[in-house]
Amino acid sequence: MPLESYATILKHAGQNGYAVGAFNIFALEFLPAILSAAAEERSPALLQINPVHFHHHDLPNYLAYVKAQMARVDVPIGLNLDHGLSKETILQGIEAGFPSVMFDGSRLPFAQNLKKTAGIVVLCKSRNITVEAELGHLNDEGLELTPETQQRLFTDPDKAAEFVAETGVDALAVAIGNAHGFYKGEPKLDFERLQRIRDKTQAPLVLHGGSGISQADFKKAISLGICKINIYTEMSAAAAAFVKQETAKQQAPVDYPTLLSGAREAVKQVVKHKMRIFGSSGKA
């Protein structure tokens, strides 16, 4: 089916009480795994590429191939640029063919993040491109969540309301104790804060750093307004684990196609499992 709008996918998720999984596809073999999982689960999905992986591809041609494969699947699939850190990167993504982008100004002071994000929104709206932004800092360093670090890192609900109103973003990624990669300890998400953010802004909310959060916490976050959850590390780890196990038991020369097909299947099973937890299965 035709490429589905990022905004339409998130709106449907919010209205129907589930979250859509956003899965990174820097590796070519991840693409059929995710599309196959979505088709089998009858689930909407978002595909994403982080600019740190742009160098792996001839980006315009790669996106053209991705879109052609998406069109062969009869469930809603969207495509998004993940974590664009500058206007230049956003423009590169737009010119390559991304129909939606995430501008990440989360490491900037609030006023600067707001100003730059607002400018990106103006740029993108003139081209009918949706924009996700981020407010607050993910705890990627695994810092102890003292009151001081929470105040410094976590999304402020009042500032979130101002940020969304002033920028006009289509979705807001929040920091409530989530982190990229596997967690250094047990994740402790601030659900009370998430509730206050939800009460103060109507923008769809996004949870980055979904690899390692418990099923119960996912469901709680979704009930409090999370409409999109990013997954990458867990897929990558599953693929790597299969390759490690298979090469350990094979005698040289290793059969490379077996490694690729097995890694693809491992990724597919992770994606299907997440779709069921997120409640998106059967929502296509």
Protein backbone atom coordinates (compact mmCIF):
# COMPACT_ATOMS: atom_id res chain seq x y z
CA MET A 1 0.00 0.00 0.00
CA PRO A 2 1.17 3.63 -0.38
CA LEU A 3 3.52 5.15 2.18
CA GLU A 4 1.50 6.15 5.24
CA SER A 5 1.84 9.52 6.95
CA TYR A 6 3.77 9.56 10.24
CA ALA A 7 1.14 11.90 11.70
CA THR A 8 -1.72 9.64 10.61
CA ILE A 9 -0.08 6.57 12.13
CA LEU A 10 0.51 8.29 15.49
CA LYS A 11 -2.98 9.78 15.52
CA HIS A 12 -4.53 6.34 15.01
CA ALA A 13 -2.34 4.89 17.78
CA GLY A 14 -3.37 7.62 20.21
CA GLN A 15 -7.06 7.27 19.41
CA ASN A 16 -6.99 3.49 19.76
CA GLY A 17 -4.84 3.08 22.87
CA TYR A 18 -1.70 1.48 21.48
CA ALA A 19 1.82 2.54 20.51
CA VAL A 20 3.42 2.07 17.11
CA GLY A 21 6.91 0.59 17.06
CA ALA A 22 9.58 2.61 15.27
CA PHE A 23 12.35 0.26 14.11
CA ASN A 24 15.73 1.34 12.71
CA ILE A 25 16.77 -0.17 9.37
CA PHE A 26 20.39 0.84 8.91
CA ALA A 27 21.14 -2.80 8.00
CA LEU A 28 19.49 -3.93 4.76
CA GLU A 29 18.51 -7.32 6.20
CA PHE A 30 16.47 -5.58 8.93
CA LEU A 31 14.02 -4.22 6.34
CA PRO A 32 12.37 -7.50 5.24
CA ALA A 33 12.32 -8.71 8.85
CA ILE A 34 10.31 -5.68 10.01
CA LEU A 35 7.99 -5.61 7.00
CA SER A 36 7.30 -9.32 7.31
CA ALA A 37 6.58 -8.96 11.03
CA ALA A 38 4.19 -6.07 10.36
CA ALA A 39 2.33 -8.04 7.67
CA GLU A 40 2.02 -11.16 9.83
CA GLU A 41 0.93 -9.20 12.91
CA ARG A 42 -1.36 -6.92 10.87
CA SER A 43 0.38 -4.05 12.62
CA PRO A 44 1.24 -0.49 11.61
CA ALA A 45 4.96 0.30 11.90
CA LEU A 46 7.48 3.05 11.37
CA LEU A 47 10.87 2.55 9.74
CA GLN A 48 13.71 4.85 10.77
CA ILE A 49 17.30 5.60 9.84
CA ASN A 50 19.67 7.48 12.13
CA PRO A 51 22.09 9.88 10.39
CA VAL A 52 25.02 8.11 12.09
CA HIS A 53 24.28 5.28 9.64
CA PHE A 54 23.93 7.40 6.49
CA HIS A 55 27.45 6.49 5.38
CA HIS A 56 26.40 2.85 4.96
CA HIS A 57 24.22 3.72 1.98
CA ASP A 58 23.73 5.76 -1.15
CA LEU A 59 20.87 7.37 0.74
CA PRO A 60 18.51 8.53 -2.07
CA ASN A 61 18.74 5.18 -3.84
CA TYR A 62 18.43 3.27 -0.57
CA LEU A 63 15.28 5.19 0.38
CA ALA A 64 13.81 4.58 -3.07
CA TYR A 65 14.38 0.85 -2.54
CA VAL A 66 12.91 1.02 0.98
CA LYS A 67 9.78 2.77 -0.30
CA ALA A 68 9.38 0.20 -3.08
CA GLN A 69 9.48 -2.61 -0.52
CA MET A 70 7.08 -0.76 1.79
CA ALA A 71 4.58 -0.46 -1.07
CA ARG A 72 4.42 -4.26 -1.33
CA VAL A 73 3.08 -4.61 2.24
CA ASP A 74 -0.67 -4.17 2.82
CA VAL A 75 -0.42 -2.57 6.28
CA PRO A 76 0.32 1.10 7.16
CA ILE A 77 4.07 1.73 7.17
CA GLY A 78 5.74 5.12 7.67
CA LEU A 79 9.31 6.31 7.19
CA ASN A 80 11.13 8.73 9.48
CA LEU A 81 14.55 10.36 9.83
CA ASP A 82 15.72 9.65 13.39
CA HIS A 83 17.78 12.09 15.49
CA GLY A 84 18.68 14.80 13.00
CA LEU A 85 20.98 17.06 15.00
CA SER A 86 21.21 20.02 12.62
CA LYS A 87 19.32 21.88 9.93
CA GLU A 88 21.87 20.61 7.42
CA THR A 89 21.12 16.98 8.33
CA ILE A 90 17.38 17.60 8.16
CA LEU A 91 17.77 19.11 4.69
CA GLN A 92 19.92 16.17 3.60
CA GLY A 93 17.21 13.81 4.77
CA ILE A 94 14.43 15.75 3.06
CA GLU A 95 16.33 15.87 -0.23
CA ALA A 96 17.02 12.13 0.01
CA GLY A 97 13.29 11.44 0.34
CA PHE A 98 12.27 11.24 4.02
CA PRO A 99 8.59 12.25 4.41
CA SER A 100 9.00 12.88 8.16
CA VAL A 101 11.93 13.88 10.35
CA MET A 102 12.99 14.09 13.96
CA PHE A 103 14.98 17.18 14.91
CA ASP A 104 16.94 16.50 18.09
CA GLY A 105 17.82 19.73 19.88
CA SER A 106 17.59 18.11 23.30
CA ARG A 107 21.19 18.94 24.22
CA LEU A 108 20.62 22.63 23.58
CA PRO A 109 19.41 25.13 26.19
CA PHE A 110 15.61 25.31 26.22
CA ALA A 111 15.29 28.64 24.41
CA GLN A 112 17.72 27.59 21.69
CA ASN A 113 16.05 24.21 21.25
CA LEU A 114 12.66 25.92 20.92
CA LYS A 115 13.94 28.47 18.39
CA LYS A 116 15.75 25.93 16.22
CA THR A 117 12.87 23.46 16.35
CA ALA A 118 10.37 26.16 15.37
CA GLY A 119 12.54 27.00 12.37
CA ILE A 120 12.72 23.34 11.34
CA VAL A 121 8.92 23.08 11.60
CA VAL A 122 8.45 26.09 9.31
CA LEU A 123 10.90 24.59 6.82
CA CYS A 124 9.19 21.19 6.90
CA LYS A 125 5.56 22.32 6.89
CA SER A 126 6.15 24.16 3.62
CA ARG A 127 7.08 20.76 2.16
CA ASN A 128 4.31 18.77 3.89
CA ILE A 129 6.82 16.97 6.11
CA THR A 130 5.98 16.07 9.71
CA VAL A 131 8.35 16.86 12.57
CA GLU A 132 9.14 15.09 15.83
CA ALA A 133 11.25 16.94 18.40
CA GLU A 134 12.77 16.10 21.77
CA LEU A 135 12.72 17.95 25.08
CA GLY A 136 14.80 16.77 28.04
CA HIS A 137 17.87 14.52 28.10
CA LEU A 138 17.85 10.74 28.01
CA ASN A 139 19.86 9.19 30.82
CA ASP A 140 22.31 7.42 28.51
CA GLU A 141 25.13 7.70 31.07
CA GLY A 142 23.15 5.71 33.64
CA LEU A 143 23.35 8.45 36.28
CA GLU A 144 21.76 7.93 39.67
CA LEU A 145 18.31 9.48 39.50
CA THR A 146 18.58 11.94 42.35
CA PRO A 147 16.19 14.91 42.54
CA GLU A 148 18.98 17.05 41.06
CA THR A 149 19.59 14.79 38.04
CA GLN A 150 15.86 14.40 37.45
CA GLN A 151 15.40 18.16 37.41
CA ARG A 152 18.34 18.53 35.03
CA LEU A 153 17.53 15.64 32.67
CA PHE A 154 13.80 15.00 32.68
CA THR A 155 11.21 16.78 30.56
CA ASP A 156 9.55 19.63 32.44
CA PRO A 157 5.75 19.44 31.89
CA ASP A 158 5.28 23.22 31.85
CA LYS A 159 8.13 23.69 29.39
CA ALA A 160 6.73 20.86 27.28
CA ALA A 161 3.43 22.72 26.98
CA GLU A 162 5.22 25.91 25.95
CA PHE A 163 7.51 24.04 23.55
CA VAL A 164 4.69 22.30 21.69
CA ALA A 165 2.56 25.44 21.51
CA GLU A 166 5.40 27.64 20.24
CA THR A 167 6.95 25.19 17.75
CA GLY A 168 3.90 23.37 16.37
CA VAL A 169 5.67 20.00 16.32
CA ASP A 170 3.68 16.91 15.35
CA ALA A 171 5.11 14.75 18.16
CA LEU A 172 7.29 15.19 21.23
CA ALA A 173 9.91 12.75 22.51
CA VAL A 174 10.13 12.91 26.30
CA ALA A 175 12.75 12.08 28.92
CA ILE A 176 11.26 10.34 31.95
CA GLY A 177 14.11 8.00 32.91
CA ASN A 178 14.45 6.25 29.55
CA ALA A 179 17.83 5.80 27.86
CA HIS A 180 19.29 4.66 24.55
CA GLY A 181 20.86 1.22 24.36
CA PHE A 182 20.57 -1.43 27.06
CA TYR A 183 20.01 -0.01 30.53
CA LYS A 184 22.82 -0.04 33.08
CA GLY A 185 20.30 -0.85 35.81
CA GLU A 186 16.58 -1.40 36.08
CA PRO A 187 14.71 1.40 34.26
CA LYS A 188 12.71 3.65 36.59
CA LEU A 189 10.27 5.65 34.55
CA ASP A 190 8.63 8.72 36.08
CA PHE A 191 5.00 8.00 35.26
CA GLU A 192 3.68 10.86 37.36
CA ARG A 193 5.73 13.25 35.23
CA LEU A 194 4.49 11.58 32.06
CA GLN A 195 0.91 12.07 33.22
CA ARG A 196 1.53 15.78 33.80
CA ILE A 197 3.10 16.14 30.37
CA ARG A 198 0.08 14.39 28.85
CA ASP A 199 -2.29 16.70 30.75
CA LYS A 200 -0.51 19.83 29.53
CA THR A 201 -0.02 19.06 25.85
CA GLN A 202 -2.04 17.29 23.19
CA ALA A 203 0.91 16.35 20.97
CA PRO A 204 1.49 12.60 20.51
CA LEU A 205 4.28 11.53 22.89
CA VAL A 206 7.30 9.42 21.96
CA LEU A 207 9.47 7.13 24.07
CA HIS A 208 13.03 6.66 22.85
CA GLY A 209 15.22 3.92 24.28
CA GLY A 210 12.70 1.09 24.22
CA SER A 211 15.17 -1.81 24.43
CA GLY A 212 15.11 -3.14 28.00
CA ILE A 213 11.90 -1.60 29.38
CA SER A 214 9.54 -4.12 30.97
CA GLN A 215 6.22 -5.14 29.44
CA ALA A 216 4.35 -3.66 32.41
CA ASP A 217 6.15 -0.32 32.07
CA PHE A 218 5.46 -0.21 28.34
CA LYS A 219 1.76 -0.74 28.93
CA LYS A 220 1.68 1.89 31.67
CA ALA A 221 3.49 4.42 29.46
CA ILE A 222 1.06 3.75 26.59
CA SER A 223 -1.90 4.28 28.91
CA LEU A 224 -0.42 7.70 29.76
CA GLY A 225 -0.09 8.92 26.18
CA ILE A 226 2.98 7.29 24.61
CA CYS A 227 2.06 6.69 20.95
CA LYS A 228 5.46 5.75 19.47
CA ILE A 229 8.30 3.66 20.90
CA ASN A 230 11.75 3.41 19.32
CA ILE A 231 13.50 0.04 19.12
CA TYR A 232 16.97 -0.66 17.73
CA THR A 233 19.44 -2.12 20.24
CA GLU A 234 17.38 -5.21 21.00
CA MET A 235 17.06 -6.05 17.29
CA SER A 236 20.78 -5.58 16.74
CA ALA A 237 21.64 -7.72 19.76
CA ALA A 238 19.34 -10.54 18.60
CA ALA A 239 20.93 -10.58 15.15
CA ALA A 240 24.45 -10.53 16.60
CA ALA A 241 23.62 -13.31 19.07
CA PHE A 242 22.41 -15.59 16.26
CA VAL A 243 25.55 -14.93 14.19
CA LYS A 244 27.76 -15.65 17.21
CA GLN A 245 25.99 -18.91 18.01
CA GLU A 246 25.91 -20.09 14.40
CA THR A 247 29.57 -19.35 13.66
CA ALA A 248 30.58 -21.15 16.86
CA LYS A 249 28.94 -24.39 15.72
CA GLN A 250 29.75 -24.28 11.99
CA GLN A 251 32.98 -25.58 10.59
CA ALA A 252 34.87 -23.29 8.21
CA PRO A 253 33.95 -22.05 5.72
CA VAL A 254 30.91 -20.49 7.40
CA ASP A 255 27.77 -20.38 5.23
CA TYR A 256 27.10 -16.64 5.02
CA PRO A 257 23.53 -16.85 3.59
CA THR A 258 22.57 -18.95 6.61
CA LEU A 259 23.90 -16.21 8.87
CA LEU A 260 21.88 -13.55 7.06
CA SER A 261 18.62 -15.48 7.01
CA GLY A 262 18.98 -16.49 10.64
CA ALA A 263 19.79 -12.94 11.74
CA ARG A 264 16.77 -11.69 9.80
CA GLU A 265 14.53 -14.20 11.54
CA ALA A 266 15.93 -13.21 14.95
CA VAL A 267 15.12 -9.55 14.23
CA LYS A 268 11.65 -10.50 13.01
CA GLN A 269 10.84 -12.29 16.25
CA VAL A 270 11.93 -9.28 18.34
CA VAL A 271 9.73 -6.98 16.24
CA LYS A 272 6.69 -9.26 16.47
CA HIS A 273 7.11 -9.54 20.24
CA LYS A 274 7.25 -5.75 20.61
CA MET A 275 4.20 -5.24 18.42
CA ARG A 276 2.19 -7.54 20.67
CA ILE A 277 3.38 -5.74 23.80
CA PHE A 278 2.68 -2.31 22.29
CA GLY A 279 -0.84 -3.39 21.36
CA SER A 280 -0.36 -2.61 17.66
CA SER A 281 -0.95 -6.18 16.45
CA GLY A 282 -4.26 -6.37 14.63
CA LYS A 283 -4.56 -2.57 14.36
CA ALA A 284 -3.67 -2.25 10.67
